Structures are given as C-alpha cells and as structure tokens.
C-alpha cells in the first residue's frame, strides 16, 4: 500500500539515473520515468507530492529544473511530467530530444507539499490545479484513494481546452475505479462546457461559486493548490473568504514568473580593499566554511557559498522549491521571496539562501539543520 508519510528530510544530492521511458501526455508534455537501481532505493524514497531537481548540460551550460513526482512511490522507478514552457531550454529539450537510455543527474526528492494527516480514514482532501500543476496531485490523489477505503478526494482541474489536459486517461480511470469517492471537475477556459461554472477562467468570482456549489469547504480536511502564482494566490484568498483555516491549506507553485534555475555566479564578487564586507559562515555535510561578500554586491548567501562550496544545494533559485533551505544560527538576513517555507519553519529560523542577503556583519547558517 502506498505510504503518505513524509520521509526524514535528507541532504539534497544528485545521482545519475537512466531514463527508462519517455511517454507523450499531450502535444506539449511528456512523462519521463527513471530507473532507480537497488543501491539507490534509500536515496529516492519519497512521499506523494514531493519533487526532484534535474540537472543537464545543454549547449555547454548547466541547466537545473525542478519537477514534481507524478506517481505513487514504487521501488525501482520514479516519474515526472515535463510540460513545454515557451522559450524553456530544458522543457523544450525534454519534449523534443530526450529518449530512453539518456542519463541525467537527479536530486534526491525534496518538498513539503505532502499530506499532514496521519490517518486518511474518512478524510476529505481537495485539490485545485491548473495545467502542469496537476503533476504532484496525481500522486496525492491516487495514493489517498488507494490507501483508505473511506477517504474522499475532490479535484478541480483547469486547462485551456480538453486537448491540454495532462493525465486525461489516468484521471478518467481513477474516476471509474472510485466513482463515489473521487469527484473530478474539469474547468476549460477556452472551450465551452455544458455547465457554465466549468467554462471560463478560475477568477475570484468563479472560485467563490465553486466553493459554494462543488466543493464545500466545511467538508474538507486538507487543501492542495498547485499552479501559476496568480491562481494559487486567488484561490488562497477565496478559501480565506470561505473561512478556511490557512493551516489546512498546502500550496506549491510551478512558476513565479521570475527567471531562475540557470547557472549561479561562482566568480569572486569584488570591491575595493577598504570596502565593507559581510562574513558568512556555513555548515554543509558536517564541514564548516567561511566566505566574505562585499556589502555593495548585494550577493545572496547561496551565490556567496557557491564560490567556496560548488556542491551547495539549489535547484530553481527563484524561492519556489526550497532546495537551498538552511537555518540561521547567528546574525540576521533579509529574505526577498518565499514560496516554499511554511510559517513554522520561518519561526524556527529557516530561510531560502537563494533569496537571503545578510543584514548583520556576520551571519552563520546551517544547511544540515
């Protein structure tokens, strides 16, 4: 039976895996399955809803991208879905050129977009997703329905048209297998549906109507939101208007609209000899290191750390994935963006180092915490 328990947080490390299969999902998306050798099973166990970062060298440049795991955990394999982004180097390559047998560096699974419920019996989970935001929900929905004979799931899934629906057959199969426990609502923005509520963009007004008529908040134990930042923020506001406790809402973004995930600066940040500097001490894999960064450089802790430890973990570099998470032990920092850390993590001193800059002369952070 699939597990819903989040594995102990592990150090994010890359391992080279072989692509076992590339399966088309739509005209602009594919499912990529990797073979996991027996020796690495412990490194790639995961909870439904987590993601992996992929690293490849394309046109002479290192490119990293994070993708959610789309199937429940099973020994020997893991799968991600990759949708083509306009102008996206990695996603275009994956859709057009990636084939079985290719070897790619895959980071051990990360992420907290997972259920916090210890017992799914009798529970009702609800998901609202758009486009490729369905990816982590595929694993969550299937695991929930298969793990408990009394758990229920409601899913509202928005796309432009029926041709854009990822995992269309898999969703239909789940609906056939669990007709009384799985409520599936496809919303199409550019294609007319019989029900007016299911035709058009999921704006605040339509979401209020969805919460009033399709998915009653008072019956839901846990919410999962995944999609572009606009949809996620609008849905969180609608849930707030409906009186839903934010502690019961989990969300994940597949994009913030900001660039990230490309090569990080590793060259020394220079300033005049008498220029003010911050000192950053950090611990990674039990080893301590120190790096200085000019105040005028406005350099992130991640970029500074990479100059002395090229293996410092990161993936999206946009404040979304949480791979670069570390705990501030001494000093203080200013975090520009945060789409990955939960409020309790921030209270305990965790920051995203790709988004954090020192605000005191000395800062001490621990990646192992």
Protein backbone atom coordinates (compact mmCIF):
# COMPACT_ATOMS: atom_id res chain seq x y z
CA UNK A 1 0.00 0.00 0.00
CA UNK A 2 1.45 3.43 -0.88
CA UNK A 3 2.76 5.49 2.00
CA UNK A 4 1.62 9.01 2.86
CA UNK A 5 4.34 9.55 5.43
CA UNK A 6 6.93 12.16 4.58
CA UNK A 7 10.45 10.68 4.68
CA UNK A 8 13.02 12.14 7.02
CA UNK A 9 14.48 15.23 5.39
CA UNK A 10 17.73 14.25 3.69
CA UNK A 11 20.62 16.21 2.29
CA UNK A 12 19.86 17.11 -1.32
CA UNK A 13 22.32 15.19 -3.52
CA UNK A 14 22.49 14.46 -7.23
CA UNK A 15 22.75 10.91 -8.55
CA UNK A 16 22.95 9.88 -12.19
CA UNK A 17 19.88 7.93 -13.31
CA UNK A 18 18.97 6.36 -16.64
CA UNK A 19 15.76 7.31 -18.43
CA UNK A 20 13.65 4.17 -18.79
CA UNK A 21 10.75 5.66 -20.76
CA UNK A 22 9.51 8.92 -22.29
CA UNK A 23 5.73 8.87 -22.79
CA UNK A 24 3.76 11.64 -24.53
CA UNK A 25 0.92 13.08 -22.42
CA UNK A 26 -0.28 15.91 -24.68
CA UNK A 27 1.15 17.66 -27.72
CA UNK A 28 3.43 19.68 -25.44
CA UNK A 29 4.09 17.48 -22.40
CA UNK A 30 5.75 14.16 -21.62
CA UNK A 31 6.08 11.79 -18.70
CA UNK A 32 9.68 10.80 -18.02
CA UNK A 33 10.35 7.66 -15.99
CA UNK A 34 13.76 6.97 -14.44
CA UNK A 35 15.12 3.59 -13.41
CA UNK A 36 16.37 3.61 -9.80
CA UNK A 37 18.99 0.93 -9.09
CA UNK A 38 18.70 -1.15 -5.92
CA UNK A 39 21.71 0.58 -4.38
CA UNK A 40 19.92 3.96 -4.51
CA UNK A 41 16.46 2.97 -3.28
CA UNK A 42 17.09 4.67 0.07
CA UNK A 43 18.10 7.89 -1.65
CA UNK A 44 14.94 8.05 -3.74
CA UNK A 45 12.14 7.05 -1.42
CA UNK A 46 9.58 9.84 -1.30
CA UNK A 47 6.13 10.93 -0.21
CA UNK A 48 3.38 11.78 -2.71
CA UNK A 49 3.61 15.47 -3.56
CA UNK A 50 7.40 15.78 -3.42
CA UNK A 51 9.63 16.82 -6.33
CA UNK A 52 13.09 16.18 -7.76
CA UNK A 53 15.53 18.55 -9.42
CA UNK A 54 17.03 17.51 -12.75
CA UNK A 55 20.44 18.69 -13.96
CA UNK A 56 21.67 18.51 -17.54
CA UNK A 57 24.31 20.23 -19.67
CA UNK A 58 22.71 21.77 -22.74
CA UNK A 59 24.64 23.79 -25.32
CA UNK A 60 27.59 23.94 -22.94
CA UNK A 61 25.58 25.28 -20.00
CA UNK A 62 24.40 23.61 -16.83
CA UNK A 63 20.61 23.79 -16.53
CA UNK A 64 18.59 22.79 -13.47
CA UNK A 65 14.83 22.43 -13.27
CA UNK A 66 12.52 21.01 -10.62
CA UNK A 67 9.60 18.70 -11.45
CA UNK A 68 7.03 17.04 -9.20
CA UNK A 69 6.84 13.27 -8.95
CA UNK A 70 3.59 12.22 -10.60
CA UNK A 71 3.17 8.61 -9.44
CA UNK A 72 2.84 6.99 -6.01
CA UNK A 73 6.11 5.62 -4.64
CA UNK A 74 7.19 2.29 -6.07
CA UNK A 75 10.56 0.51 -5.84
CA UNK A 76 12.88 0.87 -8.79
CA UNK A 77 11.29 3.81 -10.58
CA UNK A 78 10.21 7.41 -10.34
CA UNK A 79 8.34 9.55 -12.86
CA UNK A 80 7.99 13.27 -13.55
CA UNK A 81 5.86 15.17 -16.05
CA UNK A 82 7.50 17.93 -18.10
CA UNK A 83 5.38 20.47 -19.93
CA UNK A 84 6.96 22.63 -22.62
CA UNK A 85 7.41 26.24 -21.49
CA UNK A 86 7.58 28.95 -24.12
CA UNK A 87 11.29 29.63 -24.54
CA UNK A 88 12.15 26.99 -21.94
CA UNK A 89 15.52 25.43 -22.74
CA UNK A 90 15.15 22.33 -20.57
CA UNK A 91 11.47 21.64 -21.21
CA UNK A 92 11.88 22.03 -24.97
CA UNK A 93 14.83 19.64 -24.98
CA UNK A 94 12.93 17.12 -22.83
CA UNK A 95 9.89 17.19 -25.13
CA UNK A 96 11.78 17.14 -28.43
CA UNK A 97 15.00 15.21 -27.84
CA UNK A 98 15.02 13.25 -24.59
CA UNK A 99 14.87 9.48 -25.16
CA UNK A 100 15.09 6.26 -23.19
CA UNK A 101 18.67 5.42 -22.28
CA UNK A 102 19.73 9.01 -21.65
CA UNK A 103 21.44 9.59 -18.31
CA UNK A 104 20.51 12.65 -16.26
CA UNK A 105 21.54 13.86 -12.81
CA UNK A 106 18.54 13.60 -10.49
CA UNK A 107 18.48 15.10 -7.00
CA UNK A 108 17.06 13.15 -4.07
CA UNK A 109 13.37 14.01 -3.51
CA UNK A 110 12.53 17.17 -1.60
CA UNK A 111 9.48 19.23 -0.70
CA UNK A 112 6.71 19.63 1.86
CA UNK A 113 3.67 19.60 -0.48
CA UNK A 114 2.51 16.45 1.27
CA UNK A 115 -0.38 15.42 3.46
CA UNK A 116 -0.04 16.14 7.18
CA UNK A 117 -2.83 13.72 8.09
CA UNK A 118 -1.65 10.64 9.97
CA UNK A 119 -4.82 8.68 9.20
CA UNK A 120 -6.72 9.15 5.92
CA UNK A 121 -9.72 7.12 7.06
CA UNK A 122 -12.89 9.10 6.44
CA UNK A 123 -10.96 12.21 5.45
CA UNK A 124 -11.80 14.51 2.53
CA UNK A 125 -8.92 16.03 0.55
CA UNK A 126 -9.49 18.71 -2.09
CA UNK A 127 -7.17 19.87 -4.85
CA UNK A 128 -7.32 22.86 -7.18
CA UNK A 129 -4.79 22.80 -10.02
CA UNK A 130 -4.11 24.30 -13.42
CA UNK A 131 -2.01 22.98 -16.30
CA UNK A 132 1.08 21.12 -15.15
CA UNK A 133 0.06 21.85 -11.56
CA UNK A 134 -1.75 18.52 -11.76
CA UNK A 135 1.56 16.64 -11.54
CA UNK A 136 2.01 16.35 -7.75
CA UNK A 137 -1.74 15.96 -7.29
CA UNK A 138 -1.72 12.82 -9.45
CA UNK A 139 0.43 11.11 -6.84
CA UNK A 140 -1.54 12.55 -3.92
CA UNK A 141 -4.97 11.68 -5.34
CA UNK A 142 -4.11 8.11 -6.29
CA UNK A 143 -2.29 7.42 -3.01
CA UNK A 144 -5.18 8.77 -0.95
CA UNK A 145 -7.83 6.74 -2.76
CA UNK A 146 -5.79 3.54 -2.73
CA UNK A 147 -4.61 3.88 0.87
CA UNK A 148 -8.00 4.17 2.54
CA UNK A 149 -11.37 2.67 1.54
CA UNK A 150 -13.19 5.59 3.17
CA UNK A 151 -11.09 8.60 2.10
CA UNK A 152 -12.55 11.02 -0.45
CA UNK A 153 -10.93 13.39 -2.93
CA UNK A 154 -12.38 16.35 -4.84
CA UNK A 155 -10.31 17.78 -7.69
CA UNK A 156 -10.90 20.95 -9.70
CA UNK A 157 -8.53 20.99 -12.69
CA UNK A 158 -8.31 23.96 -15.08
CA UNK A 159 -6.92 23.93 -18.63
CA UNK A 160 -7.40 25.88 -21.84
CA UNK A 161 -9.05 23.02 -23.72
CA UNK A 162 -9.62 19.28 -23.49
CA UNK A 163 -6.52 18.71 -25.65
CA UNK A 164 -4.38 20.37 -22.97
CA UNK A 165 -5.44 18.06 -20.13
CA UNK A 166 -2.46 16.13 -18.81
CA UNK A 167 -3.12 12.60 -17.47
CA UNK A 168 -6.60 12.64 -19.00
CA UNK A 169 -6.85 8.84 -19.23
CA UNK A 170 -5.39 8.28 -15.76
CA UNK A 171 -7.89 10.70 -14.21
CA UNK A 172 -10.76 9.01 -16.03
CA UNK A 173 -9.54 5.63 -14.79
CA UNK A 174 -9.47 6.86 -11.19
CA UNK A 175 -12.99 8.21 -11.60
CA UNK A 176 -14.15 4.80 -12.89
CA UNK A 177 -12.41 2.93 -10.08
CA UNK A 178 -13.62 5.21 -7.29
CA UNK A 179 -16.90 6.71 -8.56
CA UNK A 180 -18.31 7.53 -5.12
CA UNK A 181 -15.08 8.77 -3.55
CA UNK A 182 -13.47 10.80 -6.33
CA UNK A 183 -15.20 13.96 -7.57
CA UNK A 184 -13.47 15.30 -10.70
CA UNK A 185 -14.32 18.71 -12.17
CA UNK A 186 -12.60 19.81 -15.39
CA UNK A 187 -12.66 23.58 -15.97
CA UNK A 188 -11.86 24.74 -19.52
CA UNK A 189 -11.06 28.39 -20.19
CA UNK A 190 -11.26 28.34 -24.00
CA UNK A 191 -13.77 25.60 -24.61
CA UNK A 192 -17.44 25.64 -23.76
CA UNK A 193 -18.70 23.05 -21.31
CA UNK A 194 -22.29 22.10 -20.53
CA UNK A 195 -22.10 23.58 -17.02
CA UNK A 196 -21.41 27.36 -17.17
CA UNK A 197 -19.48 27.14 -13.89
CA UNK A 198 -16.91 24.88 -15.58
CA UNK A 199 -16.31 27.20 -18.55
CA UNK A 200 -14.01 30.19 -18.12
CA UNK A 201 -11.08 31.37 -16.07
CA UNK A 202 -10.86 30.47 -12.39
CA UNK A 203 -11.04 34.02 -11.09
CA UNK A 204 -12.20 35.03 -7.62
CA UNK A 205 -15.89 35.10 -8.52
CA UNK A 206 -15.83 31.66 -10.14
CA UNK A 207 -13.84 30.19 -7.27
CA UNK A 208 -16.39 31.54 -4.78
CA UNK A 209 -19.07 29.76 -6.79
CA UNK A 210 -17.02 26.54 -6.89
CA UNK A 211 -16.64 26.62 -3.11
CA UNK A 212 -20.33 27.29 -2.70
CA UNK A 213 -21.61 24.62 -5.06
CA UNK A 214 -18.98 22.00 -5.95
CA UNK A 215 -16.51 21.62 -3.09
CA UNK A 216 -17.96 22.69 0.26
CA UNK A 217 -15.08 23.92 2.49
CA UNK A 218 -16.75 22.71 5.69
CA UNK A 219 -16.41 19.11 4.47
CA UNK A 220 -12.72 19.31 3.53
CA UNK A 221 -9.92 18.27 5.90
CA UNK A 222 -6.95 19.36 3.78
CA UNK A 223 -6.48 21.51 0.68
CA UNK A 224 -3.80 21.26 -2.03
CA UNK A 225 -3.28 24.10 -4.52
CA UNK A 226 -0.81 23.91 -7.40
CA UNK A 227 -0.37 26.08 -10.47
CA UNK A 228 0.82 29.53 -11.50
CA UNK A 229 1.20 32.12 -8.78
CA UNK A 230 -1.88 34.06 -9.85
CA UNK A 231 -4.20 31.08 -9.49
CA UNK A 232 -2.70 29.99 -6.18
CA UNK A 233 -2.99 33.45 -4.64
CA UNK A 234 -6.54 33.93 -5.92
CA UNK A 235 -7.56 30.52 -4.56
CA UNK A 236 -5.99 31.19 -1.16
CA UNK A 237 -7.97 34.44 -0.99
CA UNK A 238 -11.19 32.61 -1.90
CA UNK A 239 -10.55 29.99 0.77
CA UNK A 240 -9.88 32.75 3.29
CA UNK A 241 -13.23 34.37 2.41
CA UNK A 242 -14.85 30.97 2.93
CA UNK A 243 -13.39 30.77 6.43
CA UNK A 244 -10.85 28.02 5.77
CA UNK A 245 -8.02 27.82 8.32
CA UNK A 246 -4.72 28.54 6.44
CA UNK A 247 -3.11 25.74 8.46
CA UNK A 248 -5.19 23.29 6.40
CA UNK A 249 -4.06 24.71 3.04
CA UNK A 250 -0.92 23.42 1.30
CA UNK A 251 0.25 25.07 -1.89
CA UNK A 252 3.01 24.76 -4.47
CA UNK A 253 3.93 26.88 -7.46
CA UNK A 254 5.33 25.60 -10.72
CA UNK A 255 6.40 29.11 -11.68
CA UNK A 256 6.55 32.60 -10.20
CA UNK A 257 7.08 34.37 -13.49
CA UNK A 258 10.64 35.20 -12.43
CA UNK A 259 13.77 33.76 -14.07
CA UNK A 260 15.75 31.18 -12.14
CA UNK A 261 17.34 27.77 -12.22
CA UNK A 262 20.18 28.73 -14.52
CA UNK A 263 23.88 28.75 -13.72
CA UNK A 264 24.72 30.57 -10.49
CA UNK A 265 27.59 33.01 -10.19
CA UNK A 266 30.75 31.37 -8.84
CA UNK A 267 33.26 34.13 -9.61
CA UNK A 268 34.54 36.30 -6.74
CA UNK A 269 32.46 39.38 -6.04
CA UNK A 270 34.99 42.21 -5.99
CA UNK A 271 35.05 45.53 -4.19
CA UNK A 272 37.81 47.99 -3.16
CA UNK A 273 40.11 46.73 -0.41
CA UNK A 274 38.61 49.13 2.10
CA UNK A 275 35.02 48.30 1.15
CA UNK A 276 32.65 46.92 3.78
CA UNK A 277 32.08 43.18 3.74
CA UNK A 278 29.75 40.63 5.27
CA UNK A 279 31.20 37.40 6.67
CA UNK A 280 29.16 34.24 6.10
CA UNK A 281 29.97 31.04 7.98
CA UNK A 282 28.05 27.94 6.96
CA UNK A 283 27.95 24.23 7.66
CA UNK A 284 27.30 21.69 4.91
CA UNK A 285 27.70 17.93 5.28
CA UNK A 286 29.29 18.47 8.68
CA UNK A 287 32.04 20.68 7.26
CA UNK A 288 32.34 24.39 8.04
CA UNK A 289 33.32 27.06 5.54
CA UNK A 290 33.65 30.82 5.51
CA UNK A 291 33.19 33.31 2.70
CA UNK A 292 33.15 37.09 2.57
CA UNK A 293 30.86 39.11 0.35
CA UNK A 294 31.02 42.86 -0.38
CA UNK A 295 28.13 44.82 1.07
CA UNK A 296 27.76 46.70 -2.23
CA UNK A 297 27.46 43.44 -4.20
CA UNK A 298 24.04 42.59 -2.70
CA UNK A 299 25.01 38.93 -3.11
CA UNK A 300 22.75 36.15 -1.87
CA UNK A 301 24.03 33.67 0.68
CA UNK A 302 23.70 30.92 -1.93
CA UNK A 303 25.82 32.73 -4.53
CA UNK A 304 28.48 33.51 -1.92
CA UNK A 305 28.53 29.93 -0.64
CA UNK A 306 28.89 28.50 -4.14
CA UNK A 307 32.22 30.30 -4.52
CA UNK A 308 33.79 28.11 -1.84
CA UNK A 309 31.47 25.06 -1.95
CA UNK A 310 30.27 24.35 -5.52
CA UNK A 311 28.14 21.49 -4.13
CA UNK A 312 25.92 23.85 -2.14
CA UNK A 313 22.37 22.63 -2.90
CA UNK A 314 19.96 24.61 -5.07
CA UNK A 315 17.54 23.97 -7.91
CA UNK A 316 15.11 26.70 -9.01
CA UNK A 317 16.95 29.68 -7.41
CA UNK A 318 13.61 31.51 -7.52
CA UNK A 319 12.35 30.94 -3.99
CA UNK A 320 9.92 28.20 -5.09
CA UNK A 321 11.41 24.77 -4.50
CA UNK A 322 13.11 25.04 -1.08
CA UNK A 323 16.19 23.01 -2.05
CA UNK A 324 18.55 25.72 -0.76
CA UNK A 325 16.89 25.82 2.68
CA UNK A 326 19.17 26.47 5.67
CA UNK A 327 18.79 27.61 9.27
CA UNK A 328 20.18 30.92 10.50
CA UNK A 329 22.16 30.22 13.68
CA UNK A 330 23.63 33.69 14.27
CA UNK A 331 23.02 37.11 12.78
CA UNK A 332 20.12 38.04 10.56
CA UNK A 333 19.19 38.07 6.88
CA UNK A 334 16.57 39.63 4.64
CA UNK A 335 14.65 37.11 2.52
CA UNK A 336 13.29 38.69 -0.68
CA UNK A 337 10.81 35.98 -1.72
CA UNK A 338 9.44 32.83 -0.14
CA UNK A 339 7.10 30.40 -1.86
CA UNK A 340 8.44 27.25 -0.22
CA UNK A 341 8.80 27.57 3.54
CA UNK A 342 5.95 27.03 5.98
CA UNK A 343 5.34 29.64 8.73
CA UNK A 344 6.61 27.29 11.43
CA UNK A 345 9.87 26.78 9.52
CA UNK A 346 10.41 30.55 9.35
CA UNK A 347 9.72 30.82 13.09
CA UNK A 348 12.45 28.24 13.68
CA UNK A 349 14.94 30.33 11.72
CA UNK A 350 14.91 28.64 8.31
CA UNK A 351 15.47 30.72 5.18
CA UNK A 352 15.87 30.21 1.45
CA UNK A 353 19.51 31.06 0.86
CA UNK A 354 18.92 31.89 -2.81
CA UNK A 355 16.67 34.74 -1.66
CA UNK A 356 18.53 35.81 1.50
CA UNK A 357 21.12 38.53 1.98
CA UNK A 358 22.98 39.35 5.22
CA UNK A 359 21.82 42.30 7.28
CA UNK A 360 24.42 41.93 10.04
CA UNK A 361 28.24 41.93 9.70
CA UNK A 362 28.41 38.20 10.49
CA UNK A 363 25.90 35.52 9.61
CA UNK A 364 26.07 31.81 10.48
CA UNK A 365 23.81 29.34 8.65
CA UNK A 366 23.50 25.57 8.81
CA UNK A 367 22.42 23.57 5.75
CA UNK A 368 22.45 20.38 7.82
CA UNK A 369 19.91 21.59 10.40
